[in-house]
Structures are given as structure tokens and as C-alpha cells.
Amino acid sequence: MSEYADLLVHGGDVLTVDEAGTFVRSGAVVVRDGEIREVGPAEELRSRYEAAETLDATGCLVLPGLVNTHTHLAMTLLRGRADDVTLQGFLERVLRWEAELLSPKNIAAGVRAAIAESVRAGVTSALDMYWFHEAAERVAREAGWRLHTGPTFMDEPDPADGIAYEDRMAWARRDLADRATARPGTRPVLFAHSTYTLSPDQLTDIAALAREFGALLHIHAAENTTEVATVEVRHGRRPVELLDSLGLLGPDLLIAHAVDLTGPEIAALARTGTSVAHCPVSNLKLGCGIAPVPRLLSAGVTVGLGTDGAVSSNTLDVLGAVRQAALVHKAAGDPTAVGAEQAVRMATLEGARALGLGDHLGSLEPGKRADLIVLDLNAPHVRPVHNPWSTLAYAAHSADVRDTVVDGRILMRDRVLTTLDEAAALADLEALA
């Protein structure tokens, strides 16, 4: 008798991105209850399983869904409005516009468009730091998309969500308490904006709350030299030094950007198990510099990839970030600085590990959540495929993604979104923009 499966993805070459880099030619992935049950040869698994749904991936590459480890999804509302400026000029403009524009309704519209863009680009999971996260979560839940978000702390006189800083701790505590039963493949998250928008005492309190609930803490740090100098003047320490002195570094902290780092700071990140979200596109566009990723990797630091928001990078294309990460570090003269396989892993398994979810996401292995994509290889720019890692890093584009699956649910089939009205989402976005 045949075994039952909810979904069988079969016929394509499967790049599992497991530790061994297993590659199954003409393979298949079996999914039941949102979980990967088996990966193996298509002929064998087709004969053993009767599936409610199938995806014929013949002529395609099947791989884990891409993980965006740092973004601000609803910034789709502002795409193109803060180009060709420094980080500090960017922040001045964006903070002013946010005060005028942001509301739960508008956040929902921005996030809905961002999810459409992400699903089309094969991004199945994102860590989203922004205001009105409850509205973002509702939209993601309706679309069946995996969103990692939570309360954001930023001490400013008129926060966009209207919650005064002295009330934010109680609000955040209630939010974390409501997440006692997390969706498989997610975890509680708290966001501390930065060491220049929060005091040391505030950072310490936020970290204590995160640890009380086993939450991931995410923060911007060392994004450019001006930020580092500002924090050093204000607190007598550079951002990463300050975080270390406060006891915030550790396996439950994920730092976004980490561009301006010293050798001792890199050693501290490695020693404490702190992870980094590398955002090469926004770092280049804002003139922040190039993060020392080869040195971070050599030290043993876990590095994932992020797009940042669509106003600072103009795109939520993680595959584009893979290409930038594989290319930009070669500029110093070492073509091996970040190789194709390493860059792809940063967008998949290493990204999941940066979120503390490496046991659940990031590779196609039995027991992990069924987040996967099917990449169409039937185009001249991706043929022939001598090496799938190289094809992904240097040749493929986000438009080559044909199918996107999250938790075993098909969110895009044959380049048509199945859980989200894309035309309506774009119309809402345009009306606000």
C-alpha cells in the first residue's frame, strides 16, 4: 500500500543544503503536516507515496526557501524616496515620513506587497523589525508566510505607534506572554533599534526581558563609521564594545550590518556566539562600506543575509544579496573570499542558524519544516548547470523562481501567487505611495 503525503515535489535536482551538501539528481521531497518526511530519488518516492498535491519539478532545481535575516518589510511604502544619501541623511528623512505615514492599515498594505515580492523571489522567511508588528503578523498569517517579528524598542519623543517608552516594556511583556505556543519554525523576537537610540540601561532591560522569554534579540550595530563615532562619544565605547560590556553579546543576539568592526570585536562576537545579518546591498548603496565577512567567517561567526528595507536597498531580493555577497568581498583581490556555496548557505542554513532556528529551517532534511522553492532552469542564462551552487550565486535571478512552498503549503505555483491577491496588494500600495 502507498504511504500518504500532503505534497510531493518530484523530478527536479534537489540541493538539500545539509552539512554534506547532498545533491540528488532527479530527486523528490515528501511533505506531510508541514514537515519534510523524506528526501530521495524521485522514482523511488513516487512509487511509495500517494500525494494530495504534487509539483513536477522536472528541469528545475529544488532547494530550501531563502531566509531574510534583516528587513523592514513595510518600507515598501517608501521605496525610491531616500536614494543617494548617507545613512544619517537617510534616517532623518525616513523618521520624518514614518511619523506622517505609518498606521496599522498602512503597515498591512506595505507588508502585503512585501510578501508578494518576497514569495516571488523565493524568500520563505524574514526577520522584520518595524512598527505595528501585529498588523504585519496578521497579513503574514493570512498569506501563509513565515514571519519572525515582535515589539520594537526605540526611545524617541513621538514613536510612530504612539506607545511611550515607559509603557513599552509592559506592552512587550504581554506580547511575549501571548507567544507561549510558537508556530513550528518560529520563535519569540524582540527588537532593540540601536545603541544610539537606546541608553545602556534600556538595552540591559530589553535584553533581560528577551532572555526571560527565550526570545531572539535583534539590533542594528556598527553600520558605518559615523554611527560608531557617535556611540563612542556618547558612551565611551564603540557599539559592539558597548554591547559586550553590558553582557548583551551571545547566541540569542543577532546584529544587523556589523560593517565597522575591529579585530577584538570580531573575536568577541565569535567568543560569545553572536550572529551577524550581512546586508551587502544596502551597505553599498548607503556608502557604509563592506562588512568584514571573510574575517567573521574565519573566526567562526554565524553570518546570514539580509536585504534591509526596500527604501535603503530598493529590493527584497535575497538571491540578489547572495550574488553581492559572493562578489563584493572578492574586490580586495581574493576570489576565494566568499565562495558560491558559502553565499548560498548564508541565505539558507546559516540564515536559519542566525535566527536560532537551524534545527527547523534552512535545509531540506527530514524533520524540518517544508519551506522550499523550485527554480526554473529552462533559460539560456542558467544553462548548462555544471555546479548548482555557482548557478545560484552567479547566474540565477529571483525571476527564475517558479514555485514557493512554506510549511508544505504552495504560496506560488507556476509563478502565480495562490494565497494573496497581488493586484489588490499593489493597488493598495500605489494608493498610499
Protein backbone atom coordinates (compact mmCIF):
# COMPACT_ATOMS: atom_id res chain seq x y z
CA MET A 1 0.00 0.00 0.00
CA SER A 2 1.16 3.55 -0.77
CA GLU A 3 2.06 5.91 2.05
CA TYR A 4 0.20 9.21 2.27
CA ALA A 5 1.77 12.60 1.68
CA ASP A 6 0.29 16.08 1.55
CA LEU A 7 2.77 17.23 -1.09
CA LEU A 8 5.31 15.54 -3.34
CA VAL A 9 7.84 17.74 -5.15
CA HIS A 10 9.48 15.47 -7.68
CA GLY A 11 11.62 15.23 -10.79
CA GLY A 12 13.98 18.15 -10.21
CA ASP A 13 17.53 18.08 -8.95
CA VAL A 14 17.44 18.62 -5.16
CA LEU A 15 20.11 20.70 -3.43
CA THR A 16 19.44 19.93 0.22
CA VAL A 17 22.00 22.39 1.72
CA ASP A 18 22.58 19.89 4.52
CA GLU A 19 26.00 19.68 6.18
CA ALA A 20 27.30 17.35 3.47
CA GLY A 21 25.88 19.45 0.64
CA THR A 22 23.86 16.48 -0.59
CA PHE A 23 22.71 16.82 -4.19
CA VAL A 24 20.07 14.40 -5.51
CA ARG A 25 19.68 14.27 -9.28
CA SER A 26 16.07 13.69 -10.33
CA GLY A 27 15.08 13.78 -6.70
CA ALA A 28 11.95 14.30 -4.66
CA VAL A 29 10.83 15.85 -1.37
CA VAL A 30 7.95 14.30 0.58
CA VAL A 31 5.89 16.60 2.82
CA ARG A 32 3.30 15.74 5.45
CA ASP A 33 1.79 18.01 8.12
CA GLY A 34 4.04 20.87 7.03
CA GLU A 35 7.17 18.83 7.67
CA ILE A 36 9.68 17.20 5.37
CA ARG A 37 9.33 13.44 5.75
CA GLU A 38 11.80 12.16 3.20
CA VAL A 39 14.23 13.31 0.50
CA GLY A 40 15.49 10.89 -2.12
CA PRO A 41 15.31 9.64 -5.72
CA ALA A 42 12.08 10.66 -7.44
CA GLU A 43 11.43 7.24 -8.98
CA GLU A 44 11.57 5.53 -5.61
CA LEU A 45 9.49 8.08 -3.70
CA ARG A 46 6.85 8.38 -6.43
CA SER A 47 6.33 4.63 -6.19
CA ARG A 48 5.94 4.69 -2.42
CA TYR A 49 3.82 7.80 -1.82
CA GLU A 50 0.34 8.89 -2.83
CA ALA A 51 0.22 12.68 -2.54
CA ALA A 52 -2.74 15.04 -2.29
CA GLU A 53 -0.74 17.64 -4.25
CA THR A 54 2.29 17.42 -6.48
CA LEU A 55 4.79 19.77 -8.05
CA ASP A 56 6.55 18.38 -11.10
CA ALA A 57 10.00 19.99 -10.88
CA THR A 58 11.49 18.31 -13.95
CA GLY A 59 14.14 20.59 -15.44
CA CYS A 60 14.31 22.62 -12.25
CA LEU A 61 16.38 22.94 -9.09
CA VAL A 62 14.69 22.32 -5.73
CA LEU A 63 16.28 24.00 -2.72
CA PRO A 64 15.40 25.39 0.71
CA GLY A 65 13.46 28.63 0.84
CA LEU A 66 15.61 31.73 1.28
CA VAL A 67 15.83 33.35 4.73
CA ASN A 68 15.94 37.15 5.01
CA THR A 69 17.69 37.81 8.34
CA HIS A 70 17.19 41.59 8.40
CA THR A 71 14.49 43.71 6.83
CA HIS A 72 11.81 46.33 7.42
CA LEU A 73 9.04 44.97 5.20
CA ALA A 74 6.56 47.86 5.23
CA MET A 75 9.26 50.22 3.96
CA THR A 76 7.96 49.20 0.54
CA LEU A 77 5.78 52.27 1.14
CA LEU A 78 8.88 54.47 0.75
CA ARG A 79 10.81 52.69 -1.99
CA GLY A 80 12.77 55.23 -4.04
CA ARG A 81 12.21 58.17 -1.69
CA ALA A 82 15.61 58.20 0.04
CA ASP A 83 18.19 57.34 -2.59
CA ASP A 84 21.77 58.58 -2.95
CA VAL A 85 22.10 59.86 0.62
CA THR A 86 24.25 58.88 3.60
CA LEU A 87 22.92 56.64 6.36
CA GLN A 88 22.37 59.64 8.62
CA GLY A 89 20.60 61.59 5.85
CA PHE A 90 18.51 58.52 5.14
CA LEU A 91 17.46 58.18 8.77
CA GLU A 92 16.48 61.85 9.04
CA ARG A 93 14.18 61.58 6.03
CA VAL A 94 12.66 58.22 6.88
CA LEU A 95 11.90 59.06 10.51
CA ARG A 96 10.02 62.18 9.39
CA TRP A 97 7.99 60.29 6.79
CA GLU A 98 7.21 57.44 9.18
CA ALA A 99 5.65 59.84 11.67
CA GLU A 100 3.28 61.05 8.94
CA LEU A 101 2.54 57.78 7.18
CA LEU A 102 2.55 54.80 9.50
CA SER A 103 -0.59 53.20 10.89
CA PRO A 104 -1.72 49.58 11.26
CA LYS A 105 -3.68 49.84 7.99
CA ASN A 106 -0.75 51.29 6.08
CA ILE A 107 1.70 48.80 7.57
CA ALA A 108 -0.60 45.99 6.44
CA ALA A 109 -0.63 47.37 2.90
CA GLY A 110 3.15 47.70 2.81
CA VAL A 111 3.72 44.23 4.22
CA ARG A 112 1.21 42.63 1.85
CA ALA A 113 3.15 44.00 -1.13
CA ALA A 114 6.44 42.97 0.51
CA ILE A 115 5.23 39.41 0.96
CA ALA A 116 4.17 39.26 -2.69
CA GLU A 117 7.64 40.44 -3.70
CA SER A 118 9.32 38.01 -1.32
CA VAL A 119 7.30 34.97 -2.36
CA ARG A 120 8.09 35.72 -6.00
CA ALA A 121 11.79 35.89 -5.07
CA GLY A 122 11.77 32.55 -3.25
CA VAL A 123 12.01 34.11 0.21
CA THR A 124 10.04 31.95 2.60
CA SER A 125 11.03 33.55 5.90
CA ALA A 126 12.02 37.02 7.14
CA LEU A 127 13.05 38.77 10.34
CA ASP A 128 11.12 42.04 10.27
CA MET A 129 11.92 44.96 12.58
CA TYR A 130 9.24 47.63 12.29
CA TRP A 131 6.35 49.41 13.90
CA PHE A 132 2.86 47.87 14.32
CA HIS A 133 4.21 44.35 14.10
CA GLU A 134 0.78 42.96 14.99
CA ALA A 135 -0.58 44.22 11.67
CA ALA A 136 2.34 42.64 9.83
CA GLU A 137 1.71 39.32 11.56
CA ARG A 138 -1.95 39.30 10.58
CA VAL A 139 -1.08 39.78 6.91
CA ALA A 140 1.63 37.12 7.01
CA ARG A 141 -0.71 34.67 8.70
CA GLU A 142 -3.39 35.24 6.06
CA ALA A 143 -0.83 34.63 3.29
CA GLY A 144 0.65 31.55 4.99
CA TRP A 145 4.11 33.14 5.00
CA ARG A 146 6.71 32.70 7.74
CA LEU A 147 7.33 36.00 9.53
CA HIS A 148 9.59 36.49 12.56
CA THR A 149 8.67 39.71 14.33
CA GLY A 150 7.83 41.29 17.66
CA PRO A 151 7.94 44.52 19.67
CA THR A 152 10.47 47.20 18.69
CA PHE A 153 12.20 49.50 21.18
CA MET A 154 13.42 52.92 20.10
CA ASP A 155 13.48 55.80 22.55
CA GLU A 156 12.21 58.82 20.63
CA PRO A 157 9.74 61.58 21.66
CA ASP A 158 6.93 60.62 19.26
CA PRO A 159 7.16 56.93 18.29
CA ALA A 160 5.15 56.01 15.21
CA ASP A 161 2.93 53.61 17.16
CA GLY A 162 2.19 56.17 19.89
CA ILE A 163 3.39 53.94 22.75
CA ALA A 164 5.58 55.96 25.09
CA TYR A 165 8.86 54.32 26.03
CA GLU A 166 7.88 53.94 29.71
CA ASP A 167 4.87 51.85 28.60
CA ARG A 168 6.72 49.71 26.07
CA MET A 169 8.17 47.17 28.50
CA ALA A 170 4.75 46.12 29.82
CA TRP A 171 3.39 46.05 26.27
CA ALA A 172 6.26 43.87 25.09
CA ARG A 173 5.89 41.53 28.06
CA ARG A 174 2.24 40.95 27.19
CA ASP A 175 3.18 40.30 23.58
CA LEU A 176 5.82 37.71 24.52
CA ALA A 177 3.47 36.03 27.00
CA ASP A 178 0.94 35.56 24.21
CA ARG A 179 3.57 33.59 22.24
CA ALA A 180 3.85 30.77 24.76
CA THR A 181 2.96 28.33 21.97
CA ALA A 182 5.02 29.40 18.99
CA ARG A 183 4.27 28.23 15.46
CA PRO A 184 6.73 25.49 14.47
CA GLY A 185 9.72 27.13 12.80
CA THR A 186 9.35 30.43 14.66
CA ARG A 187 10.43 31.87 17.99
CA PRO A 188 9.71 34.99 20.06
CA VAL A 189 11.64 38.08 18.95
CA LEU A 190 12.43 41.47 20.48
CA PHE A 191 13.98 44.36 18.59
CA ALA A 192 16.26 46.97 20.16
CA HIS A 193 16.81 49.52 17.41
CA SER A 194 20.42 50.52 18.15
CA THR A 195 22.99 51.70 20.67
CA TYR A 196 22.41 55.29 19.53
CA THR A 197 18.63 55.32 20.06
CA LEU A 198 18.64 53.45 23.39
CA SER A 199 20.60 54.02 26.60
CA PRO A 200 22.76 51.32 28.21
CA ASP A 201 20.18 50.85 30.98
CA GLN A 202 17.40 50.47 28.41
CA LEU A 203 19.42 47.96 26.42
CA THR A 204 20.09 45.94 29.57
CA ASP A 205 16.38 45.87 30.49
CA ILE A 206 15.35 44.84 26.98
CA ALA A 207 17.91 42.04 26.91
CA ALA A 208 16.74 40.78 30.29
CA LEU A 209 13.16 40.63 29.02
CA ALA A 210 14.25 38.77 25.88
CA ARG A 211 16.16 36.19 27.92
CA GLU A 212 13.25 35.75 30.32
CA PHE A 213 11.12 34.55 27.41
CA GLY A 214 13.86 32.80 25.39
CA ALA A 215 13.46 35.39 22.65
CA LEU A 216 15.88 36.36 19.93
CA LEU A 217 17.16 39.93 20.36
CA HIS A 218 17.93 41.83 17.15
CA ILE A 219 19.78 45.16 16.91
CA HIS A 220 21.49 47.44 14.39
CA ALA A 221 25.16 47.95 15.23
CA ALA A 222 28.34 49.29 13.62
CA GLU A 223 26.59 50.14 10.34
CA ASN A 224 29.03 52.91 9.42
CA THR A 225 31.89 54.97 10.86
CA THR A 226 29.68 57.92 11.78
CA GLU A 227 27.42 55.72 13.89
CA VAL A 228 30.43 54.18 15.62
CA ALA A 229 31.91 57.60 16.37
CA THR A 230 28.56 58.88 17.70
CA VAL A 231 28.21 55.98 20.10
CA GLU A 232 31.83 56.24 21.19
CA VAL A 233 31.44 59.92 22.03
CA ARG A 234 28.16 59.31 23.84
CA HIS A 235 29.07 56.18 25.81
CA GLY A 236 32.86 55.92 25.68
CA ARG A 237 32.72 52.64 23.75
CA ARG A 238 32.11 51.52 20.20
CA PRO A 239 28.72 49.81 19.61
CA VAL A 240 29.93 46.20 19.77
CA GLU A 241 32.24 47.04 22.69
CA LEU A 242 29.26 48.57 24.49
CA LEU A 243 27.07 45.54 23.85
CA ASP A 244 29.86 43.29 25.14
CA SER A 245 30.38 45.36 28.27
CA LEU A 246 26.64 45.17 29.01
CA GLY A 247 26.61 41.39 28.63
CA LEU A 248 24.31 41.50 25.60
CA LEU A 249 26.51 39.55 23.21
CA GLY A 250 25.58 35.89 22.99
CA PRO A 251 23.85 33.20 20.91
CA ASP A 252 20.47 34.93 21.33
CA LEU A 253 21.68 38.22 19.82
CA LEU A 254 21.68 38.89 16.08
CA ILE A 255 23.46 42.05 14.94
CA ALA A 256 22.45 43.72 11.69
CA HIS A 257 25.21 45.13 9.44
CA ALA A 258 28.40 44.88 11.57
CA VAL A 259 30.36 46.84 8.94
CA ASP A 260 32.82 48.79 11.11
CA LEU A 261 34.45 46.18 13.34
CA THR A 262 37.85 45.85 14.96
CA GLY A 263 39.76 42.60 15.40
CA PRO A 264 38.91 42.37 19.11
CA GLU A 265 35.22 42.98 18.32
CA ILE A 266 35.22 40.14 15.79
CA ALA A 267 36.86 37.93 18.42
CA ALA A 268 34.15 38.94 20.92
CA LEU A 269 31.37 38.02 18.50
CA ALA A 270 32.99 34.63 17.92
CA ARG A 271 33.66 34.01 21.61
CA THR A 272 30.06 34.76 22.61
CA GLY A 273 28.32 33.02 19.71
CA THR A 274 26.72 36.26 18.48
CA SER A 275 25.43 36.14 14.90
CA VAL A 276 25.50 38.75 12.13
CA ALA A 277 22.98 39.67 9.43
CA HIS A 278 25.05 40.81 6.43
CA CYS A 279 23.24 43.34 4.20
CA PRO A 280 25.64 43.95 1.30
CA VAL A 281 23.24 45.82 -0.99
CA SER A 282 22.08 48.47 1.48
CA ASN A 283 25.62 48.84 2.89
CA LEU A 284 26.91 49.62 -0.60
CA LYS A 285 24.00 51.87 -1.55
CA LEU A 286 24.28 53.97 1.62
CA GLY A 287 28.06 54.17 1.33
CA CYS A 288 28.51 52.42 4.67
CA GLY A 289 31.32 50.20 3.49
CA ILE A 290 31.80 46.46 3.24
CA ALA A 291 31.39 44.26 6.29
CA PRO A 292 34.44 42.09 7.09
CA VAL A 293 32.57 38.90 6.31
CA PRO A 294 35.61 36.76 5.38
CA ARG A 295 37.18 37.60 8.76
CA LEU A 296 33.89 36.90 10.56
CA LEU A 297 33.58 33.53 8.87
CA SER A 298 37.21 32.66 9.59
CA ALA A 299 36.61 33.45 13.26
CA GLY A 300 33.58 31.13 13.31
CA VAL A 301 30.83 33.74 13.46
CA THR A 302 27.46 32.67 12.01
CA VAL A 303 26.54 35.05 9.17
CA GLY A 304 23.15 35.23 7.47
CA LEU A 305 21.98 37.51 4.66
CA GLY A 306 19.51 40.37 4.79
CA THR A 307 18.09 42.83 2.31
CA ASP A 308 17.37 45.62 4.78
CA GLY A 309 14.23 47.61 3.89
CA ALA A 310 13.07 48.37 0.38
CA VAL A 311 13.83 52.06 0.93
CA SER A 312 17.51 51.51 1.77
CA SER A 313 18.20 48.71 -0.73
CA ASN A 314 15.17 49.17 -3.02
CA THR A 315 14.67 45.41 -3.15
CA LEU A 316 13.74 42.39 -1.03
CA ASP A 317 15.64 40.07 -3.35
CA VAL A 318 17.73 37.74 -1.18
CA LEU A 319 19.10 35.93 -4.22
CA GLY A 320 20.47 39.29 -5.35
CA ALA A 321 22.13 39.62 -1.93
CA VAL A 322 23.68 36.18 -2.49
CA ARG A 323 25.34 37.44 -5.66
CA GLN A 324 26.57 40.63 -3.98
CA ALA A 325 27.93 38.68 -1.03
CA ALA A 326 29.75 36.30 -3.34
CA LEU A 327 31.21 39.15 -5.41
CA VAL A 328 31.89 42.20 -3.27
CA HIS A 329 34.37 40.54 -0.92
CA LYS A 330 36.50 39.49 -3.89
CA ALA A 331 37.24 43.17 -4.57
CA ALA A 332 40.19 43.08 -2.16
CA GLY A 333 41.92 40.68 -4.53
CA ASP A 334 40.98 37.26 -3.17
CA PRO A 335 38.49 35.42 -5.45
CA THR A 336 38.01 32.79 -2.73
CA ALA A 337 37.00 35.31 -0.04
CA VAL A 338 33.32 34.25 -0.07
CA GLY A 339 32.61 31.38 -2.43
CA ALA A 340 29.34 30.49 -4.15
CA GLU A 341 28.48 27.69 -1.73
CA GLN A 342 29.16 29.87 1.30
CA ALA A 343 26.99 32.68 -0.08
CA VAL A 344 24.08 30.31 -0.77
CA ARG A 345 24.41 28.82 2.70
CA MET A 346 24.28 32.32 4.20
CA ALA A 347 20.86 32.74 2.56
CA THR A 348 19.57 29.36 3.76
CA LEU A 349 21.01 27.23 6.57
CA GLU A 350 23.32 29.85 8.07
CA GLY A 351 20.49 32.38 7.99
CA ALA A 352 18.28 29.93 9.88
CA ARG A 353 21.06 29.38 12.40
CA ALA A 354 21.45 33.12 12.84
CA LEU A 355 17.80 33.18 13.91
CA GLY A 356 18.38 30.26 16.28
CA LEU A 357 16.18 28.09 14.05
CA GLY A 358 18.76 25.90 12.33
CA ASP A 359 17.05 22.76 13.61
CA HIS A 360 13.81 23.75 11.87
CA LEU A 361 14.67 25.72 8.73
CA GLY A 362 17.35 26.29 6.12
CA SER A 363 17.88 22.85 4.61
CA LEU A 364 15.81 20.05 3.10
CA GLU A 365 16.09 17.31 5.69
CA PRO A 366 13.53 15.00 7.36
CA GLY A 367 12.02 16.62 10.43
CA LYS A 368 12.48 20.20 9.24
CA ARG A 369 9.67 22.47 8.14
CA ALA A 370 8.76 22.20 4.48
CA ASP A 371 9.94 25.61 3.28
CA LEU A 372 11.28 25.14 -0.24
CA ILE A 373 11.44 26.70 -3.68
CA VAL A 374 11.61 25.41 -7.23
CA LEU A 375 13.96 27.33 -9.51
CA ASP A 376 13.33 27.08 -13.26
CA LEU A 377 16.49 26.11 -15.15
CA ASN A 378 14.90 26.29 -18.61
CA ALA A 379 16.52 29.57 -19.68
CA PRO A 380 19.76 30.36 -21.51
CA HIS A 381 21.29 32.40 -18.69
CA VAL A 382 21.34 29.43 -16.28
CA ARG A 383 22.49 26.68 -18.66
CA PRO A 384 24.43 24.48 -18.51
CA VAL A 385 24.44 23.69 -14.79
CA HIS A 386 27.93 22.45 -14.03
CA ASN A 387 27.66 23.39 -10.37
CA PRO A 388 24.33 24.23 -8.68
CA TRP A 389 25.97 26.47 -6.05
CA SER A 390 27.61 28.55 -8.76
CA THR A 391 24.42 28.69 -10.80
CA LEU A 392 22.56 30.10 -7.80
CA ALA A 393 25.23 32.60 -6.80
CA TYR A 394 26.35 33.93 -10.17
CA ALA A 395 23.71 33.17 -12.82
CA ALA A 396 20.20 32.76 -11.40
CA HIS A 397 17.77 35.63 -10.78
CA SER A 398 14.78 35.89 -8.48
CA ALA A 399 12.53 35.82 -11.56
CA ASP A 400 13.69 32.23 -12.14
CA VAL A 401 11.77 31.09 -9.04
CA ARG A 402 8.76 29.15 -10.29
CA ASP A 403 7.18 27.73 -7.10
CA THR A 404 7.37 28.72 -3.44
CA VAL A 405 6.25 26.49 -0.56
CA VAL A 406 6.00 27.41 3.14
CA ASP A 407 5.10 24.82 5.78
CA GLY A 408 4.11 22.49 2.94
CA ARG A 409 1.61 25.00 1.54
CA ILE A 410 2.10 26.19 -2.03
CA LEU A 411 2.17 30.01 -1.96
CA MET A 412 3.21 30.33 -5.60
CA ARG A 413 2.62 27.77 -8.35
CA ASP A 414 3.92 28.35 -11.87
CA ARG A 415 4.72 31.97 -10.93
CA VAL A 416 1.11 32.67 -9.83
CA LEU A 417 0.55 33.62 -6.19
CA THR A 418 -2.07 31.37 -4.63
CA THR A 419 -2.74 32.88 -1.19
CA LEU A 420 -2.51 36.59 -1.87
CA ASP A 421 -4.31 38.92 -4.29
CA GLU A 422 -1.27 40.52 -5.89
CA ALA A 423 -3.17 43.05 -8.00
CA ALA A 424 -5.09 44.31 -4.98
CA ALA A 425 -1.92 44.47 -2.89
CA LEU A 426 -0.17 46.60 -5.48
CA ALA A 427 -3.20 48.84 -5.94
CA ASP A 428 -3.30 49.50 -2.18
CA LEU A 429 0.42 50.24 -2.14
CA GLU A 430 0.15 52.66 -5.06
CA ALA A 431 -2.76 54.46 -3.45
CA LEU A 432 -0.67 55.11 -0.33
CA ALA A 433 2.54 55.93 -2.20
